[in-house]
Amino acid sequence: MSEQWVVHDVDGGHVRLRSGRIGLVSIDATAPVVGGSLSIAETSVTFTLKLALEKLKTGNFLLQAAARSLVTSNNAHELDYEGAGQASEIGWSVAGSAVGGPIEVPLALAITAIGPSGDPMAEIDIAGSAQVGRVHIPLPGLGTVDDFGFDVEAKLAMRPA
């Protein structure tokens, strides 16, 4: 038995990316989801997600400019994630890589079905974190951050494939 689900991006799904404190600031951004899928087999699960990084938004105009500069300088207009893991009854853990331009970041995600009792796969919750390492943030006073990491969280509408 195999089930196929796709992200219902018509509902305007966004993924939230948050960093810890970097000097006096932290980065809190959202990127729109432009595609994705969840395939559940008897013993395995695969999850893909595509984000439009060129449409990344922050709540601060300086951080917005820095984010756009990072996206443009790395030619990372889209971020593609592909992960795989073991299937279970109540949720799934997948591990894979998020790739955008020349940047590849290992990323583990926990996926939980949170839709209504009649259709739990109508919505999923994803959560995880990643460590990028050394990053140059083009903002005065920040410069190079040696140990940059961020958390990922989203609630995404799903529909059968």
N, C-alpha and C. Protein backbone atom coordinates (compact mmCIF):
# COMPACT_ATOMS: atom_id res chain seq x y z
N MET A 1 0.83 -1.18 0.00
CA MET A 1 0.00 0.00 0.00
C MET A 1 0.88 1.25 0.00
N SER A 2 0.56 2.19 -0.87
CA SER A 2 1.31 3.43 -0.97
C SER A 2 0.34 4.59 -1.08
N GLU A 3 0.63 5.67 -0.38
CA GLU A 3 -0.21 6.87 -0.44
C GLU A 3 0.63 8.02 -0.96
N GLN A 4 0.05 8.83 -1.83
CA GLN A 4 0.73 9.99 -2.40
C GLN A 4 -0.06 11.25 -2.07
N TRP A 5 0.63 12.25 -1.54
CA TRP A 5 0.00 13.52 -1.20
C TRP A 5 0.85 14.64 -1.79
N VAL A 6 0.20 15.73 -2.17
CA VAL A 6 0.94 16.90 -2.65
C VAL A 6 0.54 18.10 -1.82
N VAL A 7 1.47 19.04 -1.71
CA VAL A 7 1.19 20.28 -0.99
C VAL A 7 0.17 21.07 -1.81
N HIS A 8 -0.87 21.49 -1.16
CA HIS A 8 -1.93 22.29 -1.79
C HIS A 8 -1.52 23.75 -1.68
N ASP A 9 -0.64 24.20 -2.60
CA ASP A 9 -0.06 25.53 -2.50
C ASP A 9 -1.03 26.66 -2.84
N VAL A 10 -2.24 26.34 -3.27
CA VAL A 10 -3.25 27.37 -3.52
C VAL A 10 -3.57 28.11 -2.23
N ASP A 11 -3.46 27.43 -1.09
CA ASP A 11 -3.78 28.05 0.19
C ASP A 11 -2.68 28.98 0.69
N GLY A 12 -1.65 29.20 -0.10
CA GLY A 12 -0.61 30.15 0.28
C GLY A 12 0.27 29.68 1.41
N GLY A 13 0.67 28.41 1.40
CA GLY A 13 1.53 27.88 2.45
C GLY A 13 2.87 28.59 2.50
N HIS A 14 3.35 28.81 3.70
CA HIS A 14 4.65 29.43 3.92
C HIS A 14 5.43 28.60 4.93
N VAL A 15 6.74 28.62 4.79
CA VAL A 15 7.62 28.00 5.75
C VAL A 15 8.32 29.12 6.51
N ARG A 16 8.35 28.99 7.81
CA ARG A 16 9.00 30.00 8.65
C ARG A 16 10.40 29.53 8.99
N LEU A 17 11.37 30.41 8.80
CA LEU A 17 12.77 30.15 9.11
C LEU A 17 13.20 31.15 10.17
N ARG A 18 13.68 30.64 11.30
CA ARG A 18 14.10 31.52 12.40
C ARG A 18 15.49 31.14 12.87
N SER A 19 16.31 32.15 13.04
CA SER A 19 17.65 31.92 13.58
C SER A 19 17.67 32.26 15.06
N GLY A 20 18.72 31.84 15.72
CA GLY A 20 18.97 32.30 17.08
C GLY A 20 19.51 33.72 17.00
N ARG A 21 19.89 34.27 18.10
CA ARG A 21 20.43 35.63 18.12
C ARG A 21 21.79 35.68 17.44
N ILE A 22 21.92 36.70 16.59
CA ILE A 22 23.19 36.99 15.92
C ILE A 22 23.52 38.42 16.31
N GLY A 23 24.41 38.58 17.25
CA GLY A 23 24.66 39.92 17.76
C GLY A 23 23.40 40.45 18.42
N LEU A 24 22.90 41.57 17.92
CA LEU A 24 21.71 42.19 18.50
C LEU A 24 20.40 41.76 17.82
N VAL A 25 20.49 40.97 16.75
CA VAL A 25 19.28 40.62 16.00
C VAL A 25 19.12 39.11 15.87
N SER A 26 17.94 38.71 15.48
CA SER A 26 17.69 37.34 15.05
C SER A 26 16.91 37.45 13.74
N ILE A 27 17.04 36.45 12.91
CA ILE A 27 16.36 36.47 11.61
C ILE A 27 15.07 35.66 11.74
N ASP A 28 13.98 36.26 11.34
CA ASP A 28 12.67 35.60 11.32
C ASP A 28 12.08 35.88 9.94
N ALA A 29 12.04 34.86 9.09
CA ALA A 29 11.62 35.05 7.71
C ALA A 29 10.60 33.99 7.32
N THR A 30 9.82 34.30 6.30
CA THR A 30 8.92 33.31 5.72
C THR A 30 9.19 33.23 4.22
N ALA A 31 9.06 32.01 3.69
CA ALA A 31 9.23 31.78 2.26
C ALA A 31 8.01 31.01 1.77
N PRO A 32 7.43 31.43 0.65
CA PRO A 32 6.25 30.74 0.14
C PRO A 32 6.60 29.36 -0.44
N VAL A 33 5.70 28.43 -0.23
CA VAL A 33 5.84 27.08 -0.77
C VAL A 33 5.29 27.08 -2.19
N VAL A 34 6.07 26.55 -3.14
CA VAL A 34 5.61 26.49 -4.52
C VAL A 34 5.45 25.04 -5.00
N GLY A 35 5.65 24.08 -4.12
CA GLY A 35 5.46 22.68 -4.48
C GLY A 35 5.94 21.78 -3.37
N GLY A 36 5.55 20.53 -3.46
CA GLY A 36 6.00 19.54 -2.49
C GLY A 36 5.14 18.31 -2.54
N SER A 37 5.65 17.23 -1.97
CA SER A 37 4.90 15.98 -1.95
C SER A 37 5.31 15.13 -0.75
N LEU A 38 4.42 14.26 -0.37
CA LEU A 38 4.66 13.29 0.70
C LEU A 38 4.20 11.94 0.19
N SER A 39 5.12 10.97 0.15
CA SER A 39 4.81 9.61 -0.29
C SER A 39 5.03 8.68 0.88
N ILE A 40 3.97 7.93 1.20
CA ILE A 40 4.04 7.03 2.35
C ILE A 40 3.85 5.60 1.83
N ALA A 41 4.86 4.77 2.03
CA ALA A 41 4.79 3.35 1.69
C ALA A 41 4.70 2.57 2.99
N GLU A 42 4.69 1.24 2.91
CA GLU A 42 4.57 0.43 4.13
C GLU A 42 5.70 0.67 5.11
N THR A 43 6.92 0.79 4.62
CA THR A 43 8.06 0.92 5.53
C THR A 43 8.84 2.21 5.38
N SER A 44 8.50 3.03 4.38
CA SER A 44 9.29 4.23 4.15
C SER A 44 8.41 5.42 3.79
N VAL A 45 9.00 6.59 3.92
CA VAL A 45 8.32 7.83 3.58
C VAL A 45 9.34 8.75 2.90
N THR A 46 8.89 9.48 1.87
CA THR A 46 9.73 10.50 1.24
C THR A 46 8.94 11.80 1.23
N PHE A 47 9.66 12.91 1.40
CA PHE A 47 9.04 14.23 1.46
C PHE A 47 9.87 15.18 0.63
N THR A 48 9.21 15.94 -0.25
CA THR A 48 9.89 16.98 -1.01
C THR A 48 9.18 18.30 -0.76
N LEU A 49 9.94 19.38 -0.86
CA LEU A 49 9.39 20.71 -0.65
C LEU A 49 10.19 21.69 -1.48
N LYS A 50 9.49 22.62 -2.13
CA LYS A 50 10.15 23.66 -2.93
C LYS A 50 9.68 25.01 -2.41
N LEU A 51 10.65 25.87 -2.08
CA LEU A 51 10.37 27.22 -1.57
C LEU A 51 10.87 28.26 -2.56
N ALA A 52 10.14 29.36 -2.70
CA ALA A 52 10.54 30.48 -3.55
C ALA A 52 11.34 31.46 -2.69
N LEU A 53 12.66 31.29 -2.68
CA LEU A 53 13.50 32.16 -1.84
C LEU A 53 13.54 33.60 -2.35
N GLU A 54 13.29 33.81 -3.65
CA GLU A 54 13.29 35.19 -4.15
C GLU A 54 12.10 35.96 -3.58
N LYS A 55 11.12 35.27 -2.99
CA LYS A 55 9.96 35.92 -2.37
C LYS A 55 10.03 35.85 -0.84
N LEU A 56 11.20 35.55 -0.31
CA LEU A 56 11.42 35.50 1.13
C LEU A 56 11.07 36.84 1.76
N LYS A 57 10.38 36.82 2.90
CA LYS A 57 9.99 38.06 3.57
C LYS A 57 10.44 38.04 5.01
N THR A 58 10.89 39.19 5.47
CA THR A 58 11.23 39.39 6.88
C THR A 58 10.42 40.58 7.39
N GLY A 59 10.40 40.77 8.68
CA GLY A 59 9.66 41.89 9.23
C GLY A 59 10.49 43.16 9.35
N ASN A 60 11.72 43.14 8.86
CA ASN A 60 12.64 44.25 9.03
C ASN A 60 13.25 44.59 7.67
N PHE A 61 13.16 45.83 7.23
CA PHE A 61 13.63 46.18 5.90
C PHE A 61 15.14 45.97 5.73
N LEU A 62 15.93 46.15 6.78
CA LEU A 62 17.37 45.88 6.67
C LEU A 62 17.64 44.39 6.47
N LEU A 63 16.95 43.55 7.26
CA LEU A 63 17.11 42.11 7.09
C LEU A 63 16.55 41.65 5.75
N GLN A 64 15.49 42.30 5.27
CA GLN A 64 14.93 41.97 3.96
C GLN A 64 15.97 42.22 2.88
N ALA A 65 16.66 43.35 2.95
CA ALA A 65 17.71 43.67 1.97
C ALA A 65 18.85 42.66 2.06
N ALA A 66 19.23 42.29 3.27
CA ALA A 66 20.31 41.31 3.46
C ALA A 66 19.90 39.95 2.90
N ALA A 67 18.66 39.55 3.14
CA ALA A 67 18.17 38.26 2.64
C ALA A 67 18.16 38.24 1.12
N ARG A 68 17.69 39.31 0.51
CA ARG A 68 17.68 39.38 -0.96
C ARG A 68 19.09 39.35 -1.52
N SER A 69 20.00 40.03 -0.84
CA SER A 69 21.40 40.03 -1.27
C SER A 69 21.99 38.62 -1.21
N LEU A 70 21.70 37.88 -0.12
CA LEU A 70 22.19 36.50 0.01
C LEU A 70 21.62 35.61 -1.09
N VAL A 71 20.34 35.74 -1.37
CA VAL A 71 19.69 34.94 -2.40
C VAL A 71 20.32 35.23 -3.76
N THR A 72 20.45 36.52 -4.09
CA THR A 72 20.99 36.92 -5.39
C THR A 72 22.45 36.53 -5.54
N SER A 73 23.26 36.79 -4.52
CA SER A 73 24.70 36.51 -4.64
C SER A 73 25.00 35.02 -4.74
N ASN A 74 24.11 34.17 -4.22
CA ASN A 74 24.31 32.72 -4.29
C ASN A 74 23.46 32.08 -5.39
N ASN A 75 22.76 32.90 -6.19
CA ASN A 75 21.89 32.39 -7.25
C ASN A 75 20.98 31.28 -6.70
N ALA A 76 20.41 31.54 -5.54
CA ALA A 76 19.58 30.55 -4.83
C ALA A 76 18.14 31.03 -4.81
N HIS A 77 17.52 31.16 -5.97
CA HIS A 77 16.17 31.70 -6.05
C HIS A 77 15.11 30.71 -5.56
N GLU A 78 15.44 29.42 -5.62
CA GLU A 78 14.55 28.40 -5.09
C GLU A 78 15.34 27.49 -4.15
N LEU A 79 14.65 26.96 -3.18
CA LEU A 79 15.24 25.99 -2.27
C LEU A 79 14.47 24.69 -2.43
N ASP A 80 15.18 23.63 -2.75
CA ASP A 80 14.57 22.32 -2.95
C ASP A 80 15.02 21.40 -1.83
N TYR A 81 14.05 20.78 -1.17
CA TYR A 81 14.35 19.83 -0.10
C TYR A 81 13.84 18.45 -0.52
N GLU A 82 14.65 17.44 -0.25
CA GLU A 82 14.23 16.06 -0.43
C GLU A 82 14.76 15.25 0.74
N GLY A 83 13.83 14.59 1.43
CA GLY A 83 14.20 13.78 2.59
C GLY A 83 13.48 12.45 2.58
N ALA A 84 14.05 11.50 3.28
CA ALA A 84 13.46 10.16 3.38
C ALA A 84 13.61 9.65 4.80
N GLY A 85 12.71 8.73 5.17
CA GLY A 85 12.78 8.15 6.51
C GLY A 85 11.88 6.93 6.61
N GLN A 86 11.69 6.49 7.84
CA GLN A 86 10.87 5.32 8.12
C GLN A 86 9.42 5.72 8.33
N ALA A 87 8.51 4.91 7.82
CA ALA A 87 7.09 5.16 8.01
C ALA A 87 6.68 4.73 9.42
N SER A 88 5.71 5.43 9.99
CA SER A 88 5.15 5.05 11.29
C SER A 88 3.67 5.41 11.28
N GLU A 89 2.98 5.09 12.33
CA GLU A 89 1.53 5.32 12.40
C GLU A 89 1.16 6.77 12.71
N ILE A 90 1.97 7.48 13.50
CA ILE A 90 1.54 8.78 14.00
C ILE A 90 2.32 9.97 13.48
N GLY A 91 3.44 9.76 12.86
CA GLY A 91 4.25 10.86 12.35
C GLY A 91 5.49 10.28 11.70
N TRP A 92 6.21 11.13 11.05
CA TRP A 92 7.37 10.66 10.31
C TRP A 92 8.56 11.56 10.57
N SER A 93 9.73 10.97 10.57
CA SER A 93 10.98 11.73 10.64
C SER A 93 11.72 11.47 9.35
N VAL A 94 12.09 12.55 8.67
CA VAL A 94 12.83 12.42 7.42
C VAL A 94 14.14 13.19 7.54
N ALA A 95 15.13 12.72 6.85
CA ALA A 95 16.43 13.40 6.80
C ALA A 95 16.81 13.54 5.34
N GLY A 96 17.36 14.68 5.01
CA GLY A 96 17.76 14.92 3.63
C GLY A 96 18.55 16.21 3.53
N SER A 97 18.50 16.81 2.34
CA SER A 97 19.24 18.04 2.10
C SER A 97 18.35 19.09 1.47
N ALA A 98 18.57 20.33 1.87
CA ALA A 98 17.93 21.48 1.25
C ALA A 98 18.99 22.12 0.36
N VAL A 99 18.67 22.28 -0.93
CA VAL A 99 19.64 22.79 -1.89
C VAL A 99 19.09 24.04 -2.54
N GLY A 100 19.90 25.08 -2.53
CA GLY A 100 19.57 26.34 -3.19
C GLY A 100 20.83 26.91 -3.81
N GLY A 101 20.92 26.93 -5.12
CA GLY A 101 22.14 27.38 -5.78
C GLY A 101 23.29 26.48 -5.37
N PRO A 102 24.42 27.06 -4.99
CA PRO A 102 25.58 26.24 -4.60
C PRO A 102 25.53 25.78 -3.13
N ILE A 103 24.48 26.15 -2.42
CA ILE A 103 24.39 25.85 -0.99
C ILE A 103 23.59 24.57 -0.78
N GLU A 104 24.15 23.66 0.01
CA GLU A 104 23.45 22.44 0.39
C GLU A 104 23.53 22.30 1.90
N VAL A 105 22.36 22.16 2.53
CA VAL A 105 22.28 22.11 3.99
C VAL A 105 21.57 20.83 4.41
N PRO A 106 22.22 19.99 5.23
CA PRO A 106 21.51 18.82 5.77
C PRO A 106 20.38 19.30 6.68
N LEU A 107 19.21 18.65 6.54
CA LEU A 107 18.05 19.08 7.30
C LEU A 107 17.20 17.87 7.66
N ALA A 108 16.93 17.71 8.96
CA ALA A 108 16.03 16.67 9.45
C ALA A 108 14.72 17.33 9.83
N LEU A 109 13.60 16.70 9.44
CA LEU A 109 12.28 17.26 9.72
C LEU A 109 11.40 16.22 10.38
N ALA A 110 10.56 16.69 11.29
CA ALA A 110 9.50 15.86 11.87
C ALA A 110 8.21 16.29 11.19
N ILE A 111 7.45 15.33 10.70
CA ILE A 111 6.20 15.61 9.99
C ILE A 111 5.07 14.93 10.75
N THR A 112 4.02 15.69 11.04
CA THR A 112 2.87 15.16 11.77
C THR A 112 1.59 15.55 11.05
N ALA A 113 0.69 14.57 10.87
CA ALA A 113 -0.63 14.86 10.29
C ALA A 113 -1.48 15.54 11.37
N ILE A 114 -2.01 16.73 11.07
CA ILE A 114 -2.77 17.49 12.07
C ILE A 114 -4.15 17.90 11.57
N GLY A 115 -4.60 17.33 10.45
CA GLY A 115 -5.91 17.66 9.91
C GLY A 115 -7.01 17.17 10.84
N PRO A 116 -8.26 17.48 10.51
CA PRO A 116 -9.39 17.05 11.34
C PRO A 116 -9.49 15.52 11.40
N SER A 117 -10.18 15.01 12.39
CA SER A 117 -10.24 13.56 12.61
C SER A 117 -10.74 12.79 11.39
N GLY A 118 -11.61 13.35 10.60
CA GLY A 118 -12.11 12.68 9.41
C GLY A 118 -11.11 12.67 8.26
N ASP A 119 -10.13 13.58 8.29
CA ASP A 119 -9.15 13.70 7.21
C ASP A 119 -7.83 14.23 7.77
N PRO A 120 -7.10 13.42 8.57
CA PRO A 120 -5.90 13.92 9.22
C PRO A 120 -4.81 14.37 8.24
N MET A 121 -4.81 13.85 7.01
CA MET A 121 -3.78 14.25 6.05
C MET A 121 -4.13 15.54 5.31
N ALA A 122 -5.23 16.18 5.64
CA ALA A 122 -5.59 17.45 5.02
C ALA A 122 -4.60 18.55 5.38
N GLU A 123 -3.90 18.39 6.50
CA GLU A 123 -2.90 19.37 6.93
C GLU A 123 -1.78 18.64 7.67
N ILE A 124 -0.55 19.07 7.39
CA ILE A 124 0.59 18.51 8.11
C ILE A 124 1.36 19.63 8.79
N ASP A 125 2.05 19.26 9.84
CA ASP A 125 2.94 20.17 10.55
C ASP A 125 4.35 19.67 10.29
N ILE A 126 5.25 20.57 9.90
CA ILE A 126 6.66 20.18 9.75
C ILE A 126 7.49 21.04 10.69
N ALA A 127 8.50 20.43 11.28
CA ALA A 127 9.40 21.15 12.19
C ALA A 127 10.78 20.52 12.11
N GLY A 128 11.80 21.34 12.24
CA GLY A 128 13.17 20.84 12.22
C GLY A 128 14.14 21.98 12.43
N SER A 129 15.42 21.66 12.34
CA SER A 129 16.45 22.68 12.47
C SER A 129 17.66 22.26 11.65
N ALA A 130 18.46 23.26 11.31
CA ALA A 130 19.65 23.01 10.50
C ALA A 130 20.80 23.89 10.98
N GLN A 131 21.99 23.40 10.81
CA GLN A 131 23.20 24.17 11.08
C GLN A 131 23.90 24.40 9.75
N VAL A 132 24.04 25.65 9.37
CA VAL A 132 24.64 26.00 8.10
C VAL A 132 26.15 26.12 8.22
N GLY A 133 26.62 26.61 9.35
CA GLY A 133 28.05 26.85 9.51
C GLY A 133 28.36 28.32 9.28
N ARG A 134 29.47 28.61 8.63
CA ARG A 134 29.93 29.98 8.42
C ARG A 134 29.13 30.66 7.29
N VAL A 135 28.58 31.83 7.60
CA VAL A 135 27.78 32.60 6.65
C VAL A 135 28.17 34.06 6.76
N HIS A 136 28.26 34.73 5.60
CA HIS A 136 28.48 36.17 5.59
C HIS A 136 27.13 36.84 5.42
N ILE A 137 26.72 37.64 6.40
CA ILE A 137 25.44 38.36 6.35
C ILE A 137 25.75 39.81 6.02
N PRO A 138 25.28 40.28 4.85
CA PRO A 138 25.64 41.62 4.38
C PRO A 138 24.89 42.73 5.11
N LEU A 139 25.14 42.84 6.41
CA LEU A 139 24.58 43.92 7.22
C LEU A 139 25.69 44.53 8.05
N PRO A 140 25.72 45.85 8.14
CA PRO A 140 26.73 46.47 8.98
C PRO A 140 26.65 45.96 10.42
N GLY A 141 27.79 45.60 10.96
CA GLY A 141 27.83 45.12 12.34
C GLY A 141 27.69 43.62 12.48
N LEU A 142 27.25 42.93 11.45
CA LEU A 142 27.10 41.48 11.54
C LEU A 142 28.26 40.77 10.84
N GLY A 143 28.45 41.06 9.57
CA GLY A 143 29.55 40.45 8.82
C GLY A 143 29.44 38.94 8.78
N THR A 144 30.50 38.26 9.22
CA THR A 144 30.55 36.80 9.16
C THR A 144 30.09 36.20 10.47
N VAL A 145 29.19 35.23 10.36
CA VAL A 145 28.71 34.48 11.52
C VAL A 145 29.28 33.08 11.37
N ASP A 146 30.03 32.62 12.39
CA ASP A 146 30.72 31.34 12.29
C ASP A 146 29.80 30.13 12.44
N ASP A 147 28.77 30.23 13.24
CA ASP A 147 27.93 29.07 13.51
C ASP A 147 26.46 29.43 13.32
N PHE A 148 26.06 29.64 12.06
CA PHE A 148 24.69 30.05 11.76
C PHE A 148 23.79 28.83 11.68
N GLY A 149 22.66 28.89 12.35
CA GLY A 149 21.68 27.83 12.30
C GLY A 149 20.29 28.43 12.28
N PHE A 150 19.31 27.63 11.91
CA PHE A 150 17.94 28.12 11.89
C PHE A 150 16.96 26.99 12.15
N ASP A 151 15.77 27.38 12.60
CA ASP A 151 14.67 26.44 12.82
C ASP A 151 13.69 26.58 11.67
N VAL A 152 13.03 25.49 11.34
CA VAL A 152 12.05 25.45 10.26
C VAL A 152 10.72 25.01 10.87
N GLU A 153 9.65 25.71 10.51
CA GLU A 153 8.32 25.28 10.94
C GLU A 153 7.28 25.71 9.91
N ALA A 154 6.27 24.86 9.75
CA ALA A 154 5.19 25.19 8.81
C ALA A 154 3.99 24.28 9.08
N LYS A 155 2.85 24.78 8.72
CA LYS A 155 1.61 24.00 8.65
C LYS A 155 1.18 24.09 7.19
N LEU A 156 1.09 22.94 6.54
CA LEU A 156 0.81 22.92 5.11
C LEU A 156 -0.44 22.13 4.79
N ALA A 157 -1.30 22.70 3.93
CA ALA A 157 -2.48 22.00 3.43
C ALA A 157 -2.02 20.95 2.43
N MET A 158 -2.62 19.77 2.49
CA MET A 158 -2.25 18.67 1.59
C MET A 158 -3.50 18.20 0.86
N ARG A 159 -3.30 17.56 -0.29
CA ARG A 159 -4.38 16.93 -1.03
C ARG A 159 -3.85 15.66 -1.68
N PRO A 160 -4.70 14.68 -1.90
CA PRO A 160 -4.24 13.44 -2.54
C PRO A 160 -3.68 13.74 -3.93
N ALA A 161 -2.66 12.98 -4.32
CA ALA A 161 -2.04 13.19 -5.65
C ALA A 161 -2.90 12.56 -6.73
